[in-house]
């Protein structure tokens, strides 16, 4: 069975046909097709989204927002046209942002325009035989891809945390052998963008490539690595023993959850953040991440110390820099097949 997966990010849209090998394995048929929004003739480089508060209050779309949303739709349409075949193929799509009530549009997006009628517009423009059932979370689909991709870093692992850095940051979880959406776990764990270090500075600045690129003009690589390491340790700690107000959030997070006592078998870093940390340019930051994890684990509960520390320091087998850039596209196909609407 073939499925088209479309990963619409904040700066580009990517897509490919995916085939099911078996119920546990999906892979791309052909290379990914990609379009950068900035390359579209109508791209508005000066576009600034309304504040999240105004977007969630359903303020009317501004003219620039309408124009930018049409541009996004046109780019997504073009990618689908490049990869679709004559035979009808189901399409699954993921986008950042808060979805509309019917999950077929974008109600709010920090780094882009609202697109409340996205699925309707795509179906009309492409005369699709199969309706697009809903828009998935791009973050969740990264975790699904790591689980069901042939080289995915979640495969054969019971407990794992995924962090993918691009324009924004994607969070993913697999606990006790099951994939868990951060939306479903929201009572006891926060998404990266919700965690604040100081006024107007979210941890997303230290985990997204857009944020890291900005920070490197004013902060040292060691400082960035220190903060990213502290973030990853918070994930270890919160999953093992519950939220302990390590950072600032604007909502209450419960300490109690069903996974107390769980130790992460693996931390997976993906997307452009992984590419960067594997490069010479990102080496100092990654080294500081490992050192910070070591210091935090050594000074933590005995169970955490014994699990994550070996004779050489922090156990580097517990952290994987994933090269599966197609993870969200593969994840879309896997979920579309395994969890049909």
Protein backbone atom coordinates (compact mmCIF):
# COMPACT_ATOMS: atom_id res chain seq x y z
CA UNK A 1 0.00 0.00 0.00
CA UNK A 2 1.24 3.48 -0.91
CA UNK A 3 0.52 6.70 0.99
CA UNK A 4 1.68 10.24 0.32
CA UNK A 5 3.11 11.98 3.37
CA UNK A 6 3.28 15.77 3.38
CA UNK A 7 5.34 17.53 6.06
CA UNK A 8 4.48 21.22 6.03
CA UNK A 9 6.92 23.13 8.18
CA UNK A 10 7.21 26.80 9.00
CA UNK A 11 9.75 27.48 6.22
CA UNK A 12 9.20 24.69 3.68
CA UNK A 13 6.97 21.82 2.63
CA UNK A 14 8.29 18.32 1.92
CA UNK A 15 6.59 15.23 0.61
CA UNK A 16 7.09 11.73 -0.72
CA UNK A 17 5.35 8.49 -1.47
CA UNK A 18 5.77 5.89 1.27
CA UNK A 19 5.22 2.15 1.01
CA UNK A 20 4.41 -0.34 3.77
CA UNK A 21 6.98 -3.13 3.99
CA UNK A 22 5.12 -4.78 6.87
CA UNK A 23 3.08 -3.56 9.84
CA UNK A 24 6.24 -2.44 11.62
CA UNK A 25 8.19 -0.94 8.73
CA UNK A 26 7.54 1.84 6.22
CA UNK A 27 9.98 3.47 3.81
CA UNK A 28 10.17 6.07 1.05
CA UNK A 29 9.67 4.91 -2.52
CA UNK A 30 11.46 7.87 -4.11
CA UNK A 31 13.46 10.86 -2.83
CA UNK A 32 11.62 13.67 -1.05
CA UNK A 33 10.29 16.61 -3.05
CA UNK A 34 10.71 19.95 -1.27
CA UNK A 35 9.72 23.58 -1.82
CA UNK A 36 10.88 26.54 0.25
CA UNK A 37 8.09 29.06 0.83
CA UNK A 38 10.57 31.89 0.32
CA UNK A 39 11.10 30.76 -3.27
CA UNK A 40 7.45 31.41 -4.16
CA UNK A 41 6.92 34.55 -6.22
CA UNK A 42 4.36 35.91 -3.71
CA UNK A 43 6.39 35.27 -0.58
CA UNK A 44 6.22 38.17 1.88
CA UNK A 45 9.53 38.35 3.75
CA UNK A 46 8.08 41.06 6.01
CA UNK A 47 5.11 38.98 7.14
CA UNK A 48 4.70 38.88 10.93
CA UNK A 49 2.00 36.63 12.46
CA UNK A 50 -0.48 38.05 14.92
CA UNK A 51 0.30 37.29 18.54
CA UNK A 52 -0.80 33.83 19.65
CA UNK A 53 -3.33 35.43 21.97
CA UNK A 54 -5.01 37.27 19.08
CA UNK A 55 -4.94 34.19 16.86
CA UNK A 56 -6.60 32.06 19.53
CA UNK A 57 -9.22 34.78 20.00
CA UNK A 58 -10.19 34.15 16.36
CA UNK A 59 -9.32 37.65 15.19
CA UNK A 60 -10.13 38.07 11.53
CA UNK A 61 -7.34 37.10 9.14
CA UNK A 62 -5.45 40.16 7.98
CA UNK A 63 -4.83 40.70 4.27
CA UNK A 64 -1.10 39.82 4.57
CA UNK A 65 -2.08 36.68 6.50
CA UNK A 66 -4.58 35.68 3.81
CA UNK A 67 -1.92 36.15 1.13
CA UNK A 68 0.68 34.17 3.05
CA UNK A 69 -1.76 31.34 3.76
CA UNK A 70 -2.59 31.09 0.04
CA UNK A 71 1.13 30.88 -0.68
CA UNK A 72 1.46 27.95 1.77
CA UNK A 73 -1.49 26.19 0.11
CA UNK A 74 -0.01 26.70 -3.36
CA UNK A 75 3.37 25.28 -2.28
CA UNK A 76 1.76 22.23 -0.67
CA UNK A 77 -0.36 21.70 -3.77
CA UNK A 78 2.70 21.87 -6.01
CA UNK A 79 4.60 19.27 -3.96
CA UNK A 80 1.62 16.88 -4.07
CA UNK A 81 1.31 17.36 -7.83
CA UNK A 82 4.98 16.44 -8.25
CA UNK A 83 4.63 13.10 -6.45
CA UNK A 84 1.03 11.95 -7.00
CA UNK A 85 0.32 9.29 -9.61
CA UNK A 86 -2.68 8.64 -11.81
CA UNK A 87 -4.07 6.04 -9.42
CA UNK A 88 -5.68 7.71 -6.39
CA UNK A 89 -3.38 7.59 -3.34
CA UNK A 90 -4.39 8.60 0.20
CA UNK A 91 -2.68 11.75 1.47
CA UNK A 92 -1.65 12.38 5.07
CA UNK A 93 -0.43 15.78 6.17
CA UNK A 94 1.33 17.23 9.21
CA UNK A 95 1.71 20.90 10.09
CA UNK A 96 2.94 22.89 13.07
CA UNK A 97 0.49 24.98 15.05
CA UNK A 98 -2.80 24.53 16.86
CA UNK A 99 -5.41 22.78 14.75
CA UNK A 100 -9.06 23.78 14.24
CA UNK A 101 -11.78 21.83 16.05
CA UNK A 102 -12.24 19.46 13.09
CA UNK A 103 -8.44 19.10 12.72
CA UNK A 104 -8.63 20.06 9.05
CA UNK A 105 -7.17 23.53 9.39
CA UNK A 106 -4.61 25.61 11.31
CA UNK A 107 -6.18 27.78 14.01
CA UNK A 108 -2.93 29.35 15.26
CA UNK A 109 0.75 29.19 14.30
CA UNK A 110 3.64 30.96 15.98
CA UNK A 111 5.90 31.01 12.93
CA UNK A 112 3.39 31.28 10.09
CA UNK A 113 -0.12 32.20 8.95
CA UNK A 114 -3.38 30.66 10.09
CA UNK A 115 -4.89 28.37 7.44
CA UNK A 116 -8.35 27.41 8.76
CA UNK A 117 -9.50 25.86 5.47
CA UNK A 118 -6.30 24.00 4.52
CA UNK A 119 -7.73 20.54 3.80
CA UNK A 120 -10.79 21.92 1.97
CA UNK A 121 -8.55 24.00 -0.28
CA UNK A 122 -6.20 21.12 -1.07
CA UNK A 123 -9.08 18.76 -1.88
CA UNK A 124 -10.67 21.34 -4.17
CA UNK A 125 -7.47 22.26 -6.01
CA UNK A 126 -6.39 18.63 -6.50
CA UNK A 127 -9.83 17.01 -7.01
CA UNK A 128 -8.84 14.32 -4.52
CA UNK A 129 -10.74 11.04 -4.45
CA UNK A 130 -9.68 10.35 -0.86
CA UNK A 131 -10.45 13.10 1.64
CA UNK A 132 -7.66 14.24 3.95
CA UNK A 133 -8.98 13.03 7.29
CA UNK A 134 -7.11 15.40 9.57
CA UNK A 135 -3.90 17.38 10.03
CA UNK A 136 -1.42 15.64 12.30
CA UNK A 137 1.10 17.16 14.69
CA UNK A 138 4.47 17.40 12.97
CA UNK A 139 6.14 16.66 16.32
CA UNK A 140 4.14 13.47 16.89
CA UNK A 141 4.91 12.28 13.38
CA UNK A 142 8.66 12.58 13.99
CA UNK A 143 8.28 10.07 16.83
CA UNK A 144 6.14 7.78 14.66
CA UNK A 145 8.77 7.90 11.93
CA UNK A 146 11.53 6.96 14.36
CA UNK A 147 9.36 4.03 15.45
CA UNK A 148 8.33 2.72 12.01
CA UNK A 149 11.17 3.84 9.72
CA UNK A 150 13.59 1.04 8.81
CA UNK A 151 16.47 2.87 10.52
CA UNK A 152 14.35 4.61 13.16
CA UNK A 153 15.97 5.22 16.55
CA UNK A 154 12.81 4.24 18.51
CA UNK A 155 12.74 0.71 17.09
CA UNK A 156 13.15 -2.08 19.68
CA UNK A 157 13.33 0.51 22.47
CA UNK A 158 10.87 0.61 25.38
CA UNK A 159 11.38 4.16 26.68
CA UNK A 160 12.63 7.09 24.63
CA UNK A 161 12.38 10.87 24.27
CA UNK A 162 12.69 12.63 20.92
CA UNK A 163 13.69 16.25 20.35
CA UNK A 164 13.89 17.59 16.82
CA UNK A 165 15.14 21.08 16.08
CA UNK A 166 14.37 23.14 12.98
CA UNK A 167 12.51 26.45 12.84
CA UNK A 168 10.82 25.29 16.05
CA UNK A 169 11.21 22.27 18.31
CA UNK A 170 9.42 18.91 18.11
CA UNK A 171 8.88 16.72 21.20
CA UNK A 172 8.11 13.00 21.07
CA UNK A 173 7.70 10.22 23.63
CA UNK A 174 7.68 6.44 23.74
CA UNK A 175 7.05 5.00 27.19
CA UNK A 176 6.47 1.39 28.20
CA UNK A 177 6.61 0.47 24.54
CA UNK A 178 3.87 2.87 23.41
CA UNK A 179 4.06 6.15 21.48
CA UNK A 180 2.55 8.99 23.51
CA UNK A 181 1.53 12.38 22.20
CA UNK A 182 2.71 15.34 24.27
CA UNK A 183 -0.84 16.67 23.97
CA UNK A 184 -2.11 13.56 25.77
CA UNK A 185 0.62 13.88 28.42
CA UNK A 186 0.15 17.65 28.88
CA UNK A 187 -1.01 17.36 32.51
CA UNK A 188 2.41 16.14 33.65
CA UNK A 189 4.99 17.26 31.07
CA UNK A 190 5.47 20.51 29.15
CA UNK A 191 6.50 20.98 25.55
CA UNK A 192 9.87 22.66 25.04
CA UNK A 193 8.36 25.96 23.87
CA UNK A 194 6.38 26.20 27.15
CA UNK A 195 9.51 26.11 29.32
CA UNK A 196 10.96 29.52 30.09
CA UNK A 197 14.40 30.34 31.45
CA UNK A 198 13.96 34.05 31.85
CA UNK A 199 11.52 36.66 30.59
CA UNK A 200 10.80 36.19 26.88
CA UNK A 201 13.41 33.40 26.58
CA UNK A 202 12.00 29.94 25.99
CA UNK A 203 14.05 26.76 25.92
CA UNK A 204 13.04 26.56 22.27
CA UNK A 205 15.74 29.20 21.66
CA UNK A 206 18.33 26.62 22.78
CA UNK A 207 16.87 23.61 20.94
CA UNK A 208 15.67 24.96 17.57
CA UNK A 209 18.17 25.80 14.86
CA UNK A 210 16.55 29.18 14.27
CA UNK A 211 17.02 29.96 17.97
CA UNK A 212 20.56 28.60 18.19
CA UNK A 213 21.65 30.58 15.14
CA UNK A 214 20.37 33.77 16.77
CA UNK A 215 21.88 32.98 20.17
CA UNK A 216 25.34 32.30 18.77
CA UNK A 217 25.71 36.02 18.04
CA UNK A 218 25.44 36.84 21.75
CA UNK A 219 26.12 33.67 23.77
CA UNK A 220 28.91 31.14 23.81
CA UNK A 221 28.52 27.61 22.42
CA UNK A 222 29.24 26.27 25.91
CA UNK A 223 26.35 28.25 27.36
CA UNK A 224 23.99 26.99 24.66
CA UNK A 225 25.15 23.41 25.26
CA UNK A 226 24.70 23.83 29.01
CA UNK A 227 21.07 24.93 28.60
CA UNK A 228 20.28 22.18 26.10
CA UNK A 229 21.82 19.62 28.45
CA UNK A 230 19.74 20.95 31.35
CA UNK A 231 16.61 20.62 29.21
CA UNK A 232 17.39 16.99 28.36
CA UNK A 233 18.05 16.20 32.01
CA UNK A 234 14.68 17.72 32.95
CA UNK A 235 13.10 15.15 30.61
CA UNK A 236 14.98 12.32 32.33
CA UNK A 237 13.98 13.62 35.77
CA UNK A 238 10.33 14.41 35.00
CA UNK A 239 9.71 10.98 33.50
CA UNK A 240 11.47 9.23 36.39
CA UNK A 241 10.06 11.15 39.34
CA UNK A 242 7.64 13.81 38.10
CA UNK A 243 7.73 17.54 37.43
CA UNK A 244 9.57 19.47 40.14
CA UNK A 245 9.26 23.10 38.96
CA UNK A 246 12.69 22.99 37.37
CA UNK A 247 11.78 25.80 34.99
CA UNK A 248 9.13 28.50 34.58
CA UNK A 249 5.81 27.75 32.86
CA UNK A 250 2.58 29.70 32.64
CA UNK A 251 0.42 26.74 33.71
CA UNK A 252 0.28 24.12 36.43
CA UNK A 253 2.00 20.82 35.74
CA UNK A 254 1.19 17.81 37.90
CA UNK A 255 3.91 15.79 39.61
CA UNK A 256 2.00 12.51 39.51
CA UNK A 257 1.89 10.45 36.32
CA UNK A 258 1.68 6.74 35.37
CA UNK A 259 5.35 6.37 34.44
CA UNK A 260 7.12 7.14 37.73
CA UNK A 261 10.26 5.04 38.03
CA UNK A 262 10.77 4.84 34.27
CA UNK A 263 14.30 5.42 33.01
CA UNK A 264 14.82 6.52 29.42
CA UNK A 265 16.64 3.92 27.35
CA UNK A 266 17.41 6.53 24.72
CA UNK A 267 17.32 10.25 23.99
CA UNK A 268 16.98 10.85 20.26
CA UNK A 269 17.97 14.18 18.71
CA UNK A 270 16.67 14.70 15.19
CA UNK A 271 16.21 16.93 12.16
CA UNK A 272 18.47 19.94 11.57
CA UNK A 273 19.56 20.02 15.21
CA UNK A 274 21.05 16.54 14.80
CA UNK A 275 22.84 17.55 11.60
CA UNK A 276 24.31 20.58 13.35
CA UNK A 277 25.48 18.70 16.46
CA UNK A 278 27.24 16.15 14.22
CA UNK A 279 29.11 18.90 12.38
CA UNK A 280 32.41 20.50 13.39
CA UNK A 281 30.51 23.72 14.00
CA UNK A 282 28.24 22.07 16.57
CA UNK A 283 30.89 19.94 18.29
CA UNK A 284 31.42 22.25 21.29
CA UNK A 285 27.69 22.49 21.97
CA UNK A 286 27.24 18.71 21.82
CA UNK A 287 30.26 18.13 24.05
CA UNK A 288 28.78 20.52 26.61
CA UNK A 289 25.42 18.73 26.39
CA UNK A 290 27.12 15.44 27.32
CA UNK A 291 29.10 17.07 30.15
CA UNK A 292 25.97 18.74 31.55
CA UNK A 293 24.05 15.46 31.46
CA UNK A 294 26.95 13.79 33.29
CA UNK A 295 27.03 16.39 36.07
CA UNK A 296 23.25 16.34 36.54
CA UNK A 297 23.05 12.54 36.59
CA UNK A 298 25.94 12.17 39.03
CA UNK A 299 24.15 14.49 41.45
CA UNK A 300 20.74 12.87 40.99
CA UNK A 301 18.92 9.85 42.40
CA UNK A 302 20.98 6.67 42.70
CA UNK A 303 18.83 4.91 40.09
CA UNK A 304 19.47 7.67 37.54
CA UNK A 305 23.18 7.81 38.36
CA UNK A 306 23.64 4.05 38.01
CA UNK A 307 21.64 3.90 34.77
CA UNK A 308 23.18 6.79 32.85
CA UNK A 309 26.76 6.87 34.13
CA UNK A 310 29.53 4.41 33.28
CA UNK A 311 33.28 4.40 33.83
CA UNK A 312 33.81 6.87 30.99
CA UNK A 313 31.17 9.41 32.07
CA UNK A 314 27.66 9.83 30.68
CA UNK A 315 26.73 6.70 28.74
CA UNK A 316 26.77 7.94 25.14
CA UNK A 317 24.74 4.92 24.02
CA UNK A 318 21.79 6.63 25.74
CA UNK A 319 21.84 9.53 23.28
CA UNK A 320 21.44 9.12 19.51
CA UNK A 321 21.85 11.73 16.79
CA UNK A 322 19.31 10.55 14.23
CA UNK A 323 19.88 10.93 10.49
CA UNK A 324 16.27 10.06 9.62
CA UNK A 325 15.25 13.43 8.16
CA UNK A 326 12.24 11.74 6.53
CA UNK A 327 10.85 10.74 9.96
CA UNK A 328 7.67 12.89 9.85
CA UNK A 329 6.79 11.74 6.31
CA UNK A 330 7.27 8.07 7.21
CA UNK A 331 5.40 8.61 10.48
CA UNK A 332 2.42 10.08 8.62
CA UNK A 333 2.14 7.02 6.40
CA UNK A 334 2.51 4.62 9.33
CA UNK A 335 -0.18 6.28 11.41
CA UNK A 336 -2.51 6.68 8.44
CA UNK A 337 -2.28 2.95 7.77
CA UNK A 338 -2.21 1.64 11.36
CA UNK A 339 -4.72 4.08 12.90
CA UNK A 340 -7.24 4.86 10.14
CA UNK A 341 -9.86 7.52 10.95
